[in-house]
Amino acid sequence: MDLFKLFGRSDNKSKNVAKERLKLVLIHDRANISPHFLEILKGDIIRVISDYMVIDEEGLDIKLTRTRRESDNTPIPALIANIPILKMKEGSMK
């Protein structure tokens, strides 16, 4: 058994996790959006969507990332929301 390979895998995973976290910090910083503001935005999104459907708030995942604009390929911040919908509320589909 090669202990270096065993420990190397763990280091590689930790390295990737740290790299992803750093990317998120940089994106928040460049977009001038604080984590507190993102939490407020998340709460607002939950309130609005909850008027129309029942959602799984624990499974909710909202994050800020970077994407490229189609027209000129300029990098821009993007808000990505994964919102598990449990069911539509009665009377919301008029």
N, C-alpha and C. Protein backbone atom coordinates (compact mmCIF):
# COMPACT_ATOMS: atom_id res chain seq x y z
N MET A 1 0.85 -1.18 0.00
CA MET A 1 0.00 0.00 0.00
C MET A 1 0.89 1.24 0.00
N ASP A 2 0.61 2.14 -0.91
CA ASP A 2 1.40 3.36 -1.02
C ASP A 2 0.71 4.46 -0.23
N LEU A 3 1.28 4.81 0.93
CA LEU A 3 0.68 5.82 1.79
C LEU A 3 0.68 7.20 1.15
N PHE A 4 1.68 7.48 0.33
CA PHE A 4 1.72 8.78 -0.34
C PHE A 4 0.53 8.96 -1.28
N LYS A 5 0.19 7.91 -2.00
CA LYS A 5 -0.98 8.00 -2.89
C LYS A 5 -2.26 8.17 -2.09
N LEU A 6 -2.35 7.44 -0.98
CA LEU A 6 -3.53 7.52 -0.13
C LEU A 6 -3.71 8.94 0.39
N PHE A 7 -2.63 9.52 0.91
CA PHE A 7 -2.73 10.88 1.42
C PHE A 7 -2.83 11.90 0.30
N GLY A 8 -2.25 11.62 -0.82
CA GLY A 8 -2.29 12.52 -1.97
C GLY A 8 -3.70 12.75 -2.47
N ARG A 9 -4.51 11.72 -2.46
CA ARG A 9 -5.90 11.86 -2.89
C ARG A 9 -6.65 12.83 -2.00
N SER A 10 -6.45 12.71 -0.70
CA SER A 10 -7.11 13.59 0.24
C SER A 10 -6.65 15.03 0.03
N ASP A 11 -5.35 15.22 -0.18
CA ASP A 11 -4.83 16.56 -0.41
C ASP A 11 -5.42 17.15 -1.67
N ASN A 12 -5.57 16.32 -2.70
CA ASN A 12 -6.11 16.80 -3.96
C ASN A 12 -7.56 17.24 -3.79
N LYS A 13 -8.34 16.47 -3.03
CA LYS A 13 -9.73 16.84 -2.78
C LYS A 13 -9.79 18.14 -1.98
N SER A 14 -8.96 18.26 -0.96
CA SER A 14 -8.92 19.48 -0.16
C SER A 14 -8.51 20.67 -1.01
N LYS A 15 -7.57 20.44 -1.90
CA LYS A 15 -7.10 21.50 -2.79
C LYS A 15 -8.25 21.98 -3.68
N ASN A 16 -9.02 21.05 -4.23
CA ASN A 16 -10.14 21.41 -5.10
C ASN A 16 -11.23 22.16 -4.34
N VAL A 17 -11.51 21.71 -3.11
CA VAL A 17 -12.51 22.39 -2.29
C VAL A 17 -12.06 23.81 -1.99
N ALA A 18 -10.80 23.96 -1.61
CA ALA A 18 -10.26 25.29 -1.31
C ALA A 18 -10.29 26.18 -2.54
N LYS A 19 -9.99 25.61 -3.69
CA LYS A 19 -10.00 26.37 -4.94
C LYS A 19 -11.41 26.87 -5.26
N GLU A 20 -12.43 26.01 -5.09
CA GLU A 20 -13.81 26.41 -5.34
C GLU A 20 -14.26 27.49 -4.36
N ARG A 21 -13.86 27.37 -3.10
CA ARG A 21 -14.23 28.39 -2.11
C ARG A 21 -13.60 29.73 -2.46
N LEU A 22 -12.36 29.70 -2.88
CA LEU A 22 -11.68 30.93 -3.28
C LEU A 22 -12.37 31.57 -4.47
N LYS A 23 -12.80 30.77 -5.42
CA LYS A 23 -13.52 31.30 -6.58
C LYS A 23 -14.79 32.02 -6.13
N LEU A 24 -15.54 31.41 -5.19
CA LEU A 24 -16.76 32.03 -4.71
C LEU A 24 -16.48 33.34 -3.99
N VAL A 25 -15.42 33.38 -3.19
CA VAL A 25 -15.05 34.61 -2.50
C VAL A 25 -14.72 35.70 -3.50
N LEU A 26 -13.95 35.36 -4.52
CA LEU A 26 -13.58 36.34 -5.55
C LEU A 26 -14.80 36.85 -6.31
N ILE A 27 -15.72 35.94 -6.63
CA ILE A 27 -16.94 36.34 -7.35
C ILE A 27 -17.76 37.31 -6.50
N HIS A 28 -17.94 36.99 -5.22
CA HIS A 28 -18.69 37.88 -4.33
C HIS A 28 -18.01 39.23 -4.24
N ASP A 29 -16.69 39.21 -4.13
CA ASP A 29 -15.93 40.44 -4.00
C ASP A 29 -16.05 41.29 -5.26
N ARG A 30 -15.90 40.70 -6.42
CA ARG A 30 -15.96 41.45 -7.68
C ARG A 30 -17.35 41.97 -7.97
N ALA A 31 -18.36 41.26 -7.52
CA ALA A 31 -19.74 41.70 -7.76
C ALA A 31 -20.21 42.66 -6.67
N ASN A 32 -19.37 42.90 -5.67
CA ASN A 32 -19.71 43.76 -4.54
C ASN A 32 -20.97 43.30 -3.82
N ILE A 33 -21.11 41.99 -3.67
CA ILE A 33 -22.26 41.42 -2.97
C ILE A 33 -21.75 40.69 -1.73
N SER A 34 -22.20 41.15 -0.59
CA SER A 34 -21.77 40.52 0.66
C SER A 34 -22.58 39.26 0.91
N PRO A 35 -22.04 38.35 1.71
CA PRO A 35 -22.82 37.15 2.07
C PRO A 35 -24.14 37.51 2.76
N HIS A 36 -24.13 38.60 3.54
CA HIS A 36 -25.36 39.05 4.21
C HIS A 36 -26.41 39.46 3.19
N PHE A 37 -25.99 40.20 2.15
CA PHE A 37 -26.92 40.60 1.10
C PHE A 37 -27.48 39.38 0.37
N LEU A 38 -26.63 38.38 0.13
CA LEU A 38 -27.07 37.17 -0.54
C LEU A 38 -28.12 36.44 0.31
N GLU A 39 -27.96 36.46 1.62
CA GLU A 39 -28.95 35.84 2.51
C GLU A 39 -30.27 36.60 2.47
N ILE A 40 -30.20 37.93 2.42
CA ILE A 40 -31.43 38.74 2.31
C ILE A 40 -32.13 38.42 0.99
N LEU A 41 -31.38 38.35 -0.08
CA LEU A 41 -31.93 38.03 -1.40
C LEU A 41 -32.58 36.65 -1.38
N LYS A 42 -31.92 35.69 -0.74
CA LYS A 42 -32.45 34.33 -0.62
C LYS A 42 -33.79 34.35 0.11
N GLY A 43 -33.88 35.12 1.19
CA GLY A 43 -35.13 35.23 1.94
C GLY A 43 -36.25 35.83 1.10
N ASP A 44 -35.92 36.86 0.33
CA ASP A 44 -36.92 37.48 -0.55
C ASP A 44 -37.41 36.50 -1.61
N ILE A 45 -36.50 35.75 -2.20
CA ILE A 45 -36.87 34.76 -3.22
C ILE A 45 -37.79 33.71 -2.61
N ILE A 46 -37.46 33.24 -1.42
CA ILE A 46 -38.29 32.23 -0.74
C ILE A 46 -39.70 32.78 -0.50
N ARG A 47 -39.79 34.03 -0.03
CA ARG A 47 -41.10 34.62 0.26
C ARG A 47 -41.96 34.73 -1.01
N VAL A 48 -41.37 35.19 -2.10
CA VAL A 48 -42.13 35.37 -3.34
C VAL A 48 -42.59 34.03 -3.90
N ILE A 49 -41.67 33.09 -3.99
CA ILE A 49 -42.00 31.78 -4.56
C ILE A 49 -43.00 31.03 -3.69
N SER A 50 -42.90 31.23 -2.38
CA SER A 50 -43.80 30.54 -1.45
C SER A 50 -45.25 30.99 -1.59
N ASP A 51 -45.48 32.14 -2.23
CA ASP A 51 -46.86 32.58 -2.50
C ASP A 51 -47.53 31.67 -3.52
N TYR A 52 -46.75 31.02 -4.36
CA TYR A 52 -47.28 30.24 -5.47
C TYR A 52 -47.08 28.73 -5.35
N MET A 53 -46.07 28.32 -4.58
CA MET A 53 -45.79 26.89 -4.46
C MET A 53 -45.15 26.57 -3.12
N VAL A 54 -45.24 25.30 -2.76
CA VAL A 54 -44.59 24.80 -1.55
C VAL A 54 -43.21 24.31 -1.98
N ILE A 55 -42.18 24.85 -1.32
CA ILE A 55 -40.82 24.47 -1.68
C ILE A 55 -40.11 23.81 -0.51
N ASP A 56 -39.06 23.08 -0.81
CA ASP A 56 -38.22 22.45 0.20
C ASP A 56 -37.10 23.43 0.53
N GLU A 57 -37.29 24.21 1.59
CA GLU A 57 -36.31 25.25 1.94
C GLU A 57 -34.95 24.67 2.32
N GLU A 58 -34.94 23.47 2.88
CA GLU A 58 -33.66 22.85 3.26
C GLU A 58 -32.86 22.44 2.03
N GLY A 59 -33.56 22.12 0.94
CA GLY A 59 -32.88 21.73 -0.28
C GLY A 59 -32.55 22.90 -1.19
N LEU A 60 -32.97 24.10 -0.78
CA LEU A 60 -32.75 25.31 -1.56
C LEU A 60 -31.26 25.63 -1.65
N ASP A 61 -30.80 25.94 -2.84
CA ASP A 61 -29.39 26.29 -3.04
C ASP A 61 -29.32 27.50 -3.96
N ILE A 62 -28.91 28.63 -3.40
CA ILE A 62 -28.75 29.85 -4.19
C ILE A 62 -27.31 30.28 -4.07
N LYS A 63 -26.68 30.50 -5.21
CA LYS A 63 -25.28 30.92 -5.17
C LYS A 63 -24.98 31.89 -6.30
N LEU A 64 -23.92 32.62 -6.09
CA LEU A 64 -23.45 33.56 -7.09
C LEU A 64 -22.26 32.93 -7.80
N THR A 65 -22.26 33.01 -9.10
CA THR A 65 -21.17 32.43 -9.89
C THR A 65 -20.84 33.39 -11.03
N ARG A 66 -19.97 32.98 -11.91
CA ARG A 66 -19.63 33.80 -13.07
C ARG A 66 -20.00 33.05 -14.34
N THR A 67 -20.46 33.79 -15.30
CA THR A 67 -20.78 33.24 -16.61
C THR A 67 -20.32 34.24 -17.65
N ARG A 68 -20.53 33.92 -18.89
CA ARG A 68 -20.13 34.84 -19.96
C ARG A 68 -21.38 35.27 -20.73
N ARG A 69 -21.44 36.55 -21.01
CA ARG A 69 -22.54 37.10 -21.80
C ARG A 69 -22.45 36.56 -23.22
N GLU A 70 -23.58 36.13 -23.77
CA GLU A 70 -23.58 35.54 -25.12
C GLU A 70 -23.20 36.53 -26.20
N SER A 71 -23.62 37.78 -26.06
CA SER A 71 -23.41 38.75 -27.13
C SER A 71 -21.94 39.10 -27.35
N ASP A 72 -21.17 39.26 -26.26
CA ASP A 72 -19.78 39.67 -26.44
C ASP A 72 -18.78 38.85 -25.61
N ASN A 73 -19.25 37.78 -24.98
CA ASN A 73 -18.41 36.85 -24.21
C ASN A 73 -17.74 37.51 -22.99
N THR A 74 -18.30 38.62 -22.52
CA THR A 74 -17.79 39.31 -21.34
C THR A 74 -18.17 38.53 -20.09
N PRO A 75 -17.23 38.32 -19.15
CA PRO A 75 -17.59 37.65 -17.91
C PRO A 75 -18.50 38.53 -17.04
N ILE A 76 -19.58 37.94 -16.54
CA ILE A 76 -20.53 38.66 -15.69
C ILE A 76 -20.96 37.75 -14.54
N PRO A 77 -21.34 38.35 -13.39
CA PRO A 77 -21.87 37.53 -12.29
C PRO A 77 -23.25 36.98 -12.66
N ALA A 78 -23.55 35.78 -12.15
CA ALA A 78 -24.85 35.16 -12.39
C ALA A 78 -25.36 34.56 -11.10
N LEU A 79 -26.63 34.75 -10.84
CA LEU A 79 -27.28 34.16 -9.67
C LEU A 79 -27.90 32.84 -10.11
N ILE A 80 -27.49 31.76 -9.47
CA ILE A 80 -27.99 30.42 -9.79
C ILE A 80 -28.85 29.96 -8.63
N ALA A 81 -30.08 29.53 -8.93
CA ALA A 81 -30.99 29.06 -7.89
C ALA A 81 -31.50 27.67 -8.22
N ASN A 82 -31.33 26.77 -7.29
CA ASN A 82 -31.88 25.42 -7.38
C ASN A 82 -32.93 25.33 -6.28
N ILE A 83 -34.21 25.32 -6.68
CA ILE A 83 -35.31 25.38 -5.72
C ILE A 83 -36.20 24.16 -5.88
N PRO A 84 -36.08 23.19 -4.97
CA PRO A 84 -36.95 22.01 -5.07
C PRO A 84 -38.41 22.37 -4.79
N ILE A 85 -39.28 22.10 -5.74
CA ILE A 85 -40.71 22.40 -5.62
C ILE A 85 -41.43 21.13 -5.17
N LEU A 86 -42.12 21.24 -4.05
CA LEU A 86 -42.86 20.09 -3.53
C LEU A 86 -44.24 19.99 -4.17
N LYS A 87 -44.94 21.14 -4.31
CA LYS A 87 -46.23 21.15 -4.98
C LYS A 87 -46.66 22.58 -5.22
N MET A 88 -47.58 22.74 -6.17
CA MET A 88 -48.16 24.05 -6.45
C MET A 88 -49.27 24.31 -5.43
N LYS A 89 -49.43 25.55 -5.05
CA LYS A 89 -50.49 25.91 -4.13
C LYS A 89 -51.79 26.07 -4.90
N GLU A 90 -52.89 25.76 -4.23
CA GLU A 90 -54.22 25.87 -4.85
C GLU A 90 -54.48 27.31 -5.22
N GLY A 91 -55.05 27.54 -6.40
CA GLY A 91 -55.40 28.88 -6.84
C GLY A 91 -54.24 29.69 -7.39
N SER A 92 -53.04 29.13 -7.43
CA SER A 92 -51.89 29.90 -7.91
C SER A 92 -51.73 29.80 -9.43
N MET A 93 -52.47 28.87 -10.07
CA MET A 93 -52.33 28.70 -11.52
C MET A 93 -53.60 29.17 -12.21
N LYS A 94 -53.84 30.46 -12.17
CA LYS A 94 -55.03 31.02 -12.78
C LYS A 94 -54.75 31.49 -14.17
